[in-house]
């Protein structure tokens, strides 16, 4: 407890500092006083600067915070239920299902209708988001049906991985049969970005995640029980099958919403739970759940800033930045944790 409070306060301060950096620094130099006036609603002489701050930097920063937190919490739940340190939000093929839904919109619709839905402006963006949610939820329902038929987590894990491979194979066939322009559009979507959410979509996305994340925290006690094994959880009176379904639903919905709005963001869900465990040195989910959410938000903000930092023309792919920034940090934390355990 003595260690948790200072770390939590440090993470909150870090998130605040990274939020300020994301708002005040970018490829376009805007005076600090003008950014403050824009954020306070006092207006600015340059309409372009106002659009950059309110329509680009602020939505990206808010999106990164809630998306990073959601993916990190989802990854923590998956690693706990399967007791596998390599488990992540995409382990059951849910992210692949979202990608398959988008592939139908971007690749297949162009072949059937002559024009891909993704080229239809706002209608295309809405179609992509809906397709991603439908694809992810369809795979999640399939996983839930399978979970009622099998007992072991290992079997369910293998089936989920096979579903992911099947979705990837179908996407590969669609890529092969599609024109180059549609394939490029799908590949760009697959790189992930916090910049896709703008306007009214930001408030909807943030609201959804602010509702779903606290609901996930209600699973703290079942997760602690599942951490010690199915037999121990059952001996405590826990309905293991129903708990496993609730955890899969909670994790799957978080992944589905984030993927629909941001594309498949890799690495955060896999690595951040290890970062939180290494920093807090605990396996108690009462501490780990909020810690993981905070670490995920901080890492996502950092990666978003680097992706569009001054000196880069345009923006780097978020997935490349998350791995480049996060992997060394996680390796250092794990090595330090191993040293202390000796």
Protein backbone atom coordinates (compact mmCIF):
# COMPACT_ATOMS: atom_id res chain seq x y z
CA UNK A 1 0.00 0.00 0.00
CA UNK A 2 2.87 2.38 0.83
CA UNK A 3 4.37 1.69 -2.58
CA UNK A 4 1.08 1.85 -4.51
CA UNK A 5 0.04 5.38 -3.60
CA UNK A 6 3.25 7.18 -4.70
CA UNK A 7 3.33 5.16 -7.93
CA UNK A 8 -0.31 5.93 -8.67
CA UNK A 9 0.23 9.63 -8.04
CA UNK A 10 3.33 9.55 -10.27
CA UNK A 11 1.34 7.88 -13.05
CA UNK A 12 -1.45 10.46 -12.77
CA UNK A 13 1.10 13.29 -12.93
CA UNK A 14 2.78 11.56 -15.88
CA UNK A 15 -0.52 11.25 -17.75
CA UNK A 16 -1.23 14.92 -17.11
CA UNK A 17 2.23 15.91 -18.35
CA UNK A 18 1.92 13.74 -21.47
CA UNK A 19 -1.52 15.18 -22.16
CA UNK A 20 -0.05 18.69 -22.05
CA UNK A 21 2.81 17.63 -24.33
CA UNK A 22 0.36 16.14 -26.82
CA UNK A 23 -1.64 19.38 -26.87
CA UNK A 24 1.22 21.88 -26.95
CA UNK A 25 3.82 20.19 -29.18
CA UNK A 26 3.35 18.99 -32.74
CA UNK A 27 4.50 19.34 -36.32
CA UNK A 28 2.83 22.80 -36.45
CA UNK A 29 4.25 25.29 -33.94
CA UNK A 30 1.49 27.13 -32.08
CA UNK A 31 2.28 29.64 -29.30
CA UNK A 32 1.46 28.40 -25.82
CA UNK A 33 -0.70 31.42 -25.03
CA UNK A 34 -2.86 30.79 -28.11
CA UNK A 35 -3.33 27.11 -27.20
CA UNK A 36 -4.43 28.14 -23.70
CA UNK A 37 -6.90 30.63 -25.15
CA UNK A 38 -8.29 27.97 -27.49
CA UNK A 39 -8.70 25.41 -24.70
CA UNK A 40 -10.38 27.99 -22.46
CA UNK A 41 -12.83 28.92 -25.22
CA UNK A 42 -11.49 32.48 -25.54
CA UNK A 43 -10.87 32.13 -29.25
CA UNK A 44 -7.79 32.63 -31.41
CA UNK A 45 -6.90 34.83 -34.37
CA UNK A 46 -5.97 31.83 -36.49
CA UNK A 47 -8.84 29.49 -37.36
CA UNK A 48 -6.32 26.94 -38.57
CA UNK A 49 -4.68 26.77 -35.14
CA UNK A 50 -8.09 26.37 -33.52
CA UNK A 51 -8.92 23.45 -35.81
CA UNK A 52 -5.55 21.82 -35.15
CA UNK A 53 -6.00 21.95 -31.37
CA UNK A 54 -9.71 21.16 -31.09
CA UNK A 55 -10.15 18.86 -34.09
CA UNK A 56 -6.82 17.01 -34.07
CA UNK A 57 -4.62 17.21 -30.98
CA UNK A 58 -7.30 17.12 -28.27
CA UNK A 59 -9.36 14.27 -29.84
CA UNK A 60 -6.19 12.24 -30.42
CA UNK A 61 -5.04 12.69 -26.84
CA UNK A 62 -8.43 11.73 -25.36
CA UNK A 63 -8.68 8.75 -27.71
CA UNK A 64 -5.19 7.56 -26.76
CA UNK A 65 -6.00 7.76 -23.02
CA UNK A 66 -9.18 5.66 -23.10
CA UNK A 67 -8.00 3.28 -25.85
CA UNK A 68 -4.72 2.56 -24.06
CA UNK A 69 -6.52 1.97 -20.77
CA UNK A 70 -9.11 -0.30 -22.39
CA UNK A 71 -6.59 -2.46 -24.25
CA UNK A 72 -4.36 -2.77 -21.19
CA UNK A 73 -7.24 -3.89 -18.94
CA UNK A 74 -8.41 -6.33 -21.62
CA UNK A 75 -4.93 -7.83 -21.85
CA UNK A 76 -4.72 -8.19 -18.06
CA UNK A 77 -8.00 -10.12 -17.97
CA UNK A 78 -6.89 -12.43 -20.79
CA UNK A 79 -3.55 -13.17 -19.12
CA UNK A 80 -5.30 -13.92 -15.85
CA UNK A 81 -8.02 -16.19 -17.17
CA UNK A 82 -5.59 -18.23 -19.30
CA UNK A 83 -2.68 -17.90 -16.85
CA UNK A 84 -0.50 -17.19 -19.88
CA UNK A 85 1.96 -14.26 -19.93
CA UNK A 86 1.76 -14.13 -23.75
CA UNK A 87 -2.01 -13.74 -23.84
CA UNK A 88 -3.37 -10.43 -25.11
CA UNK A 89 -6.59 -8.84 -26.36
CA UNK A 90 -6.18 -10.55 -29.75
CA UNK A 91 -5.48 -14.01 -28.34
CA UNK A 92 -9.01 -15.31 -29.00
CA UNK A 93 -9.18 -13.95 -32.54
CA UNK A 94 -11.48 -11.06 -31.62
CA UNK A 95 -9.19 -8.47 -33.25
CA UNK A 96 -8.93 -10.72 -36.30
CA UNK A 97 -12.73 -10.82 -36.43
CA UNK A 98 -12.82 -7.02 -36.47
CA UNK A 99 -10.24 -7.01 -39.26
CA UNK A 100 -12.31 -9.52 -41.22
CA UNK A 101 -15.39 -7.30 -40.89
CA UNK A 102 -13.43 -4.32 -42.20
CA UNK A 103 -12.00 -6.46 -45.00
CA UNK A 104 -15.53 -7.20 -46.20
CA UNK A 105 -16.26 -3.46 -46.31
CA UNK A 106 -12.97 -2.31 -47.83
CA UNK A 107 -12.11 -5.26 -50.09
CA UNK A 108 -15.19 -7.33 -50.86
CA UNK A 109 -17.67 -4.47 -51.34
CA UNK A 110 -15.51 -3.02 -54.12
CA UNK A 111 -15.61 -6.29 -56.03
CA UNK A 112 -19.35 -6.76 -55.62
CA UNK A 113 -20.55 -3.18 -56.07
CA UNK A 114 -17.81 -1.67 -58.17
CA UNK A 115 -16.96 0.96 -55.51
CA UNK A 116 -15.64 0.13 -52.06
CA UNK A 117 -17.75 1.45 -49.20
CA UNK A 118 -14.60 2.83 -47.60
CA UNK A 119 -14.39 5.48 -50.35
CA UNK A 120 -17.77 7.01 -49.52
CA UNK A 121 -16.56 9.60 -47.01
CA UNK A 122 -18.44 9.72 -43.70
CA UNK A 123 -20.68 6.86 -44.82
CA UNK A 124 -17.59 4.75 -45.47
CA UNK A 125 -16.10 5.60 -42.06
CA UNK A 126 -19.36 4.61 -40.36
CA UNK A 127 -19.48 1.38 -42.38
CA UNK A 128 -15.91 0.51 -41.32
CA UNK A 129 -16.67 1.11 -37.64
CA UNK A 130 -19.88 -0.93 -37.75
CA UNK A 131 -18.18 -3.75 -39.66
CA UNK A 132 -15.34 -3.91 -37.14
CA UNK A 133 -17.77 -4.12 -34.21
CA UNK A 134 -19.91 -6.75 -35.94
CA UNK A 135 -16.88 -8.85 -36.88
CA UNK A 136 -15.39 -8.70 -33.39
CA UNK A 137 -18.69 -9.47 -31.66
CA UNK A 138 -19.40 -12.34 -34.07
CA UNK A 139 -16.10 -14.00 -33.18
CA UNK A 140 -16.72 -13.31 -29.49
CA UNK A 141 -20.13 -15.02 -29.66
CA UNK A 142 -18.49 -17.98 -31.38
CA UNK A 143 -15.88 -18.15 -28.61
CA UNK A 144 -18.61 -17.99 -25.97
CA UNK A 145 -20.46 -20.85 -27.67
CA UNK A 146 -17.24 -22.88 -27.75
CA UNK A 147 -16.54 -22.08 -24.08
CA UNK A 148 -19.80 -23.81 -23.17
CA UNK A 149 -18.68 -26.94 -25.01
CA UNK A 150 -15.15 -27.28 -23.64
CA UNK A 151 -13.87 -27.38 -20.08
CA UNK A 152 -10.18 -26.49 -20.24
CA UNK A 153 -8.80 -23.03 -20.85
CA UNK A 154 -5.99 -24.44 -22.99
CA UNK A 155 -8.46 -25.97 -25.46
CA UNK A 156 -10.41 -22.71 -25.64
CA UNK A 157 -7.17 -20.81 -26.19
CA UNK A 158 -6.12 -23.06 -29.06
CA UNK A 159 -9.56 -22.82 -30.69
CA UNK A 160 -9.42 -19.02 -30.40
CA UNK A 161 -6.00 -18.95 -32.06
CA UNK A 162 -7.31 -21.18 -34.87
CA UNK A 163 -10.27 -18.86 -35.42
CA UNK A 164 -7.80 -15.99 -35.71
CA UNK A 165 -5.78 -17.91 -38.30
CA UNK A 166 -8.96 -18.69 -40.25
CA UNK A 167 -9.95 -15.01 -40.31
CA UNK A 168 -6.44 -14.07 -41.42
CA UNK A 169 -6.58 -16.64 -44.23
CA UNK A 170 -9.89 -15.23 -45.52
CA UNK A 171 -8.43 -11.72 -45.40
CA UNK A 172 -5.43 -12.94 -47.40
CA UNK A 173 -7.71 -14.33 -50.13
CA UNK A 174 -9.65 -11.06 -50.28
CA UNK A 175 -6.39 -9.10 -50.58
CA UNK A 176 -5.25 -11.30 -53.45
CA UNK A 177 -8.50 -10.75 -55.35
CA UNK A 178 -8.82 -7.00 -54.67
CA UNK A 179 -7.38 -4.05 -56.60
CA UNK A 180 -4.23 -2.42 -55.31
CA UNK A 181 -5.99 0.75 -54.12
CA UNK A 182 -8.39 -1.17 -51.87
CA UNK A 183 -5.58 -3.33 -50.48
CA UNK A 184 -3.59 -0.19 -49.62
CA UNK A 185 -6.62 1.30 -47.82
CA UNK A 186 -7.01 -1.88 -45.77
CA UNK A 187 -3.29 -2.02 -44.91
CA UNK A 188 -3.36 1.62 -43.76
CA UNK A 189 -6.36 0.86 -41.53
CA UNK A 190 -4.47 -2.13 -40.10
CA UNK A 191 -1.56 0.07 -38.99
CA UNK A 192 -3.77 1.61 -36.29
CA UNK A 193 -4.21 5.28 -35.47
CA UNK A 194 -5.61 7.45 -32.70
CA UNK A 195 -6.37 10.15 -35.29
CA UNK A 196 -9.39 8.44 -36.82
CA UNK A 197 -11.73 9.56 -34.04
CA UNK A 198 -12.85 13.17 -34.45
CA UNK A 199 -15.82 15.45 -33.93
CA UNK A 200 -18.86 13.96 -32.24
CA UNK A 201 -17.29 10.47 -32.41
CA UNK A 202 -14.80 11.44 -29.69
CA UNK A 203 -17.45 12.04 -27.05
CA UNK A 204 -19.26 8.82 -27.98
CA UNK A 205 -16.05 6.78 -27.87
CA UNK A 206 -14.87 8.30 -24.58
CA UNK A 207 -18.33 7.84 -23.03
CA UNK A 208 -18.49 4.19 -24.06
CA UNK A 209 -15.06 3.46 -22.63
CA UNK A 210 -15.78 5.38 -19.42
CA UNK A 211 -18.79 3.12 -18.92
CA UNK A 212 -17.14 -0.17 -19.91
CA UNK A 213 -13.92 0.25 -17.91
CA UNK A 214 -15.59 0.68 -14.48
CA UNK A 215 -17.82 -2.31 -15.29
CA UNK A 216 -14.67 -4.36 -15.91
CA UNK A 217 -13.39 -3.40 -12.46
CA UNK A 218 -16.37 -5.28 -10.97
CA UNK A 219 -14.58 -8.50 -11.97
CA UNK A 220 -11.68 -7.91 -9.56
CA UNK A 221 -12.68 -10.59 -7.03
CA UNK A 222 -13.43 -13.30 -9.64
CA UNK A 223 -10.12 -12.52 -11.35
CA UNK A 224 -8.24 -12.94 -8.07
CA UNK A 225 -9.96 -16.27 -7.53
CA UNK A 226 -9.27 -17.45 -11.11
CA UNK A 227 -5.62 -16.54 -10.68
CA UNK A 228 -5.18 -19.50 -8.33
CA UNK A 229 -6.76 -22.03 -10.67
CA UNK A 230 -10.22 -23.28 -11.62
CA UNK A 231 -10.40 -25.82 -8.79
CA UNK A 232 -9.56 -23.26 -6.15
CA UNK A 233 -12.10 -20.82 -7.61
CA UNK A 234 -14.77 -23.55 -7.65
CA UNK A 235 -13.97 -24.47 -4.04
CA UNK A 236 -14.72 -20.86 -3.11
CA UNK A 237 -18.19 -21.20 -4.60
CA UNK A 238 -17.38 -19.42 -7.87
CA UNK A 239 -19.17 -20.55 -11.01
CA UNK A 240 -16.06 -20.97 -13.17
CA UNK A 241 -17.83 -21.33 -16.52
CA UNK A 242 -20.04 -18.28 -16.01
CA UNK A 243 -17.12 -16.23 -14.71
CA UNK A 244 -15.02 -17.18 -17.71
CA UNK A 245 -17.84 -16.07 -20.03
CA UNK A 246 -18.18 -12.72 -18.23
CA UNK A 247 -14.45 -12.08 -18.47
CA UNK A 248 -14.40 -12.96 -22.18
CA UNK A 249 -17.40 -10.70 -22.82
CA UNK A 250 -15.85 -7.80 -20.92
CA UNK A 251 -12.48 -8.15 -22.62
CA UNK A 252 -14.02 -8.75 -26.05
CA UNK A 253 -16.30 -5.72 -25.95
CA UNK A 254 -13.38 -3.46 -24.95
CA UNK A 255 -11.30 -4.79 -27.85
CA UNK A 256 -14.22 -4.50 -30.29
CA UNK A 257 -14.91 -0.85 -29.46
CA UNK A 258 -11.25 0.21 -29.56
CA UNK A 259 -10.59 -1.66 -32.82
CA UNK A 260 -13.69 -0.17 -34.44
CA UNK A 261 -12.55 3.37 -33.71
CA UNK A 262 -8.75 3.11 -33.83
CA UNK A 263 -7.96 0.00 -35.84
CA UNK A 264 -5.99 -2.95 -34.42
CA UNK A 265 -3.60 -1.40 -31.86
CA UNK A 266 -0.99 -4.01 -31.02
CA UNK A 267 1.45 -4.54 -28.12
CA UNK A 268 -0.28 -2.37 -25.48
CA UNK A 269 -2.64 -5.09 -24.30
CA UNK A 270 0.16 -7.66 -24.20
CA UNK A 271 2.92 -5.63 -22.57
CA UNK A 272 1.28 -3.15 -20.21
CA UNK A 273 0.03 -5.75 -17.68
CA UNK A 274 3.64 -6.89 -17.26
CA UNK A 275 4.71 -3.28 -16.79
CA UNK A 276 2.08 -2.78 -14.08
CA UNK A 277 3.06 -6.00 -12.28
CA UNK A 278 6.72 -5.02 -12.41
CA UNK A 279 6.09 -1.54 -11.04
CA UNK A 280 3.63 -2.49 -8.31
CA UNK A 281 5.07 -5.97 -7.54
CA UNK A 282 1.67 -7.47 -6.82
CA UNK A 283 -0.80 -9.88 -8.37
CA UNK A 284 -3.82 -8.46 -6.55
CA UNK A 285 -6.24 -7.23 -9.20
CA UNK A 286 -7.68 -4.66 -6.81
CA UNK A 287 -4.40 -2.81 -7.35
CA UNK A 288 -3.50 -4.14 -10.79
CA UNK A 289 -6.70 -3.17 -12.63
CA UNK A 290 -6.45 0.60 -12.08
CA UNK A 291 -2.64 0.46 -12.31
CA UNK A 292 -2.82 -1.30 -15.67
CA UNK A 293 -5.38 1.22 -16.95
CA UNK A 294 -3.13 4.13 -15.93
CA UNK A 295 0.00 2.54 -17.45
CA UNK A 296 -1.90 1.84 -20.68
CA UNK A 297 -3.13 5.42 -20.90
CA UNK A 298 0.37 6.81 -20.27
CA UNK A 299 2.05 4.53 -22.82
CA UNK A 300 -0.59 5.28 -25.47
CA UNK A 301 -0.16 9.05 -24.95
CA UNK A 302 3.61 8.70 -25.24
CA UNK A 303 3.33 6.67 -28.45
CA UNK A 304 0.80 9.11 -29.92
CA UNK A 305 3.16 12.03 -29.30
CA UNK A 306 6.13 10.23 -30.87
CA UNK A 307 4.03 9.20 -33.88
CA UNK A 308 3.27 12.83 -34.76
CA UNK A 309 6.30 14.53 -33.17
CA UNK A 310 8.01 17.45 -34.91
CA UNK A 311 10.39 16.33 -37.62
CA UNK A 312 8.07 13.68 -39.07
CA UNK A 313 6.09 14.50 -42.19
CA UNK A 314 2.57 13.31 -41.43
CA UNK A 315 2.37 10.66 -38.73
CA UNK A 316 4.13 7.37 -38.10
CA UNK A 317 2.06 4.17 -37.72
CA UNK A 318 1.03 3.80 -34.09
CA UNK A 319 1.69 0.06 -34.08
CA UNK A 320 5.32 0.62 -35.03
CA UNK A 321 5.78 3.20 -32.30
CA UNK A 322 4.11 1.09 -29.58
CA UNK A 323 6.57 -1.74 -30.19
CA UNK A 324 9.63 0.50 -30.54
CA UNK A 325 8.86 2.43 -27.36
CA UNK A 326 7.29 -0.26 -25.21
CA UNK A 327 9.42 -3.32 -25.89
CA UNK A 328 12.67 -2.00 -24.31
CA UNK A 329 10.72 -0.70 -21.30
CA UNK A 330 9.04 -4.06 -20.72
CA UNK A 331 12.32 -5.98 -21.11
CA UNK A 332 13.97 -3.72 -18.53
CA UNK A 333 11.07 -4.17 -16.09
CA UNK A 334 11.08 -7.96 -16.47
CA UNK A 335 14.86 -8.19 -16.05
CA UNK A 336 14.68 -6.00 -12.96
CA UNK A 337 11.85 -8.11 -11.58
CA UNK A 338 13.85 -11.28 -12.21
CA UNK A 339 16.89 -9.79 -10.43
CA UNK A 340 14.83 -8.99 -7.34
CA UNK A 341 13.39 -12.51 -7.31
CA UNK A 342 16.84 -14.13 -7.13
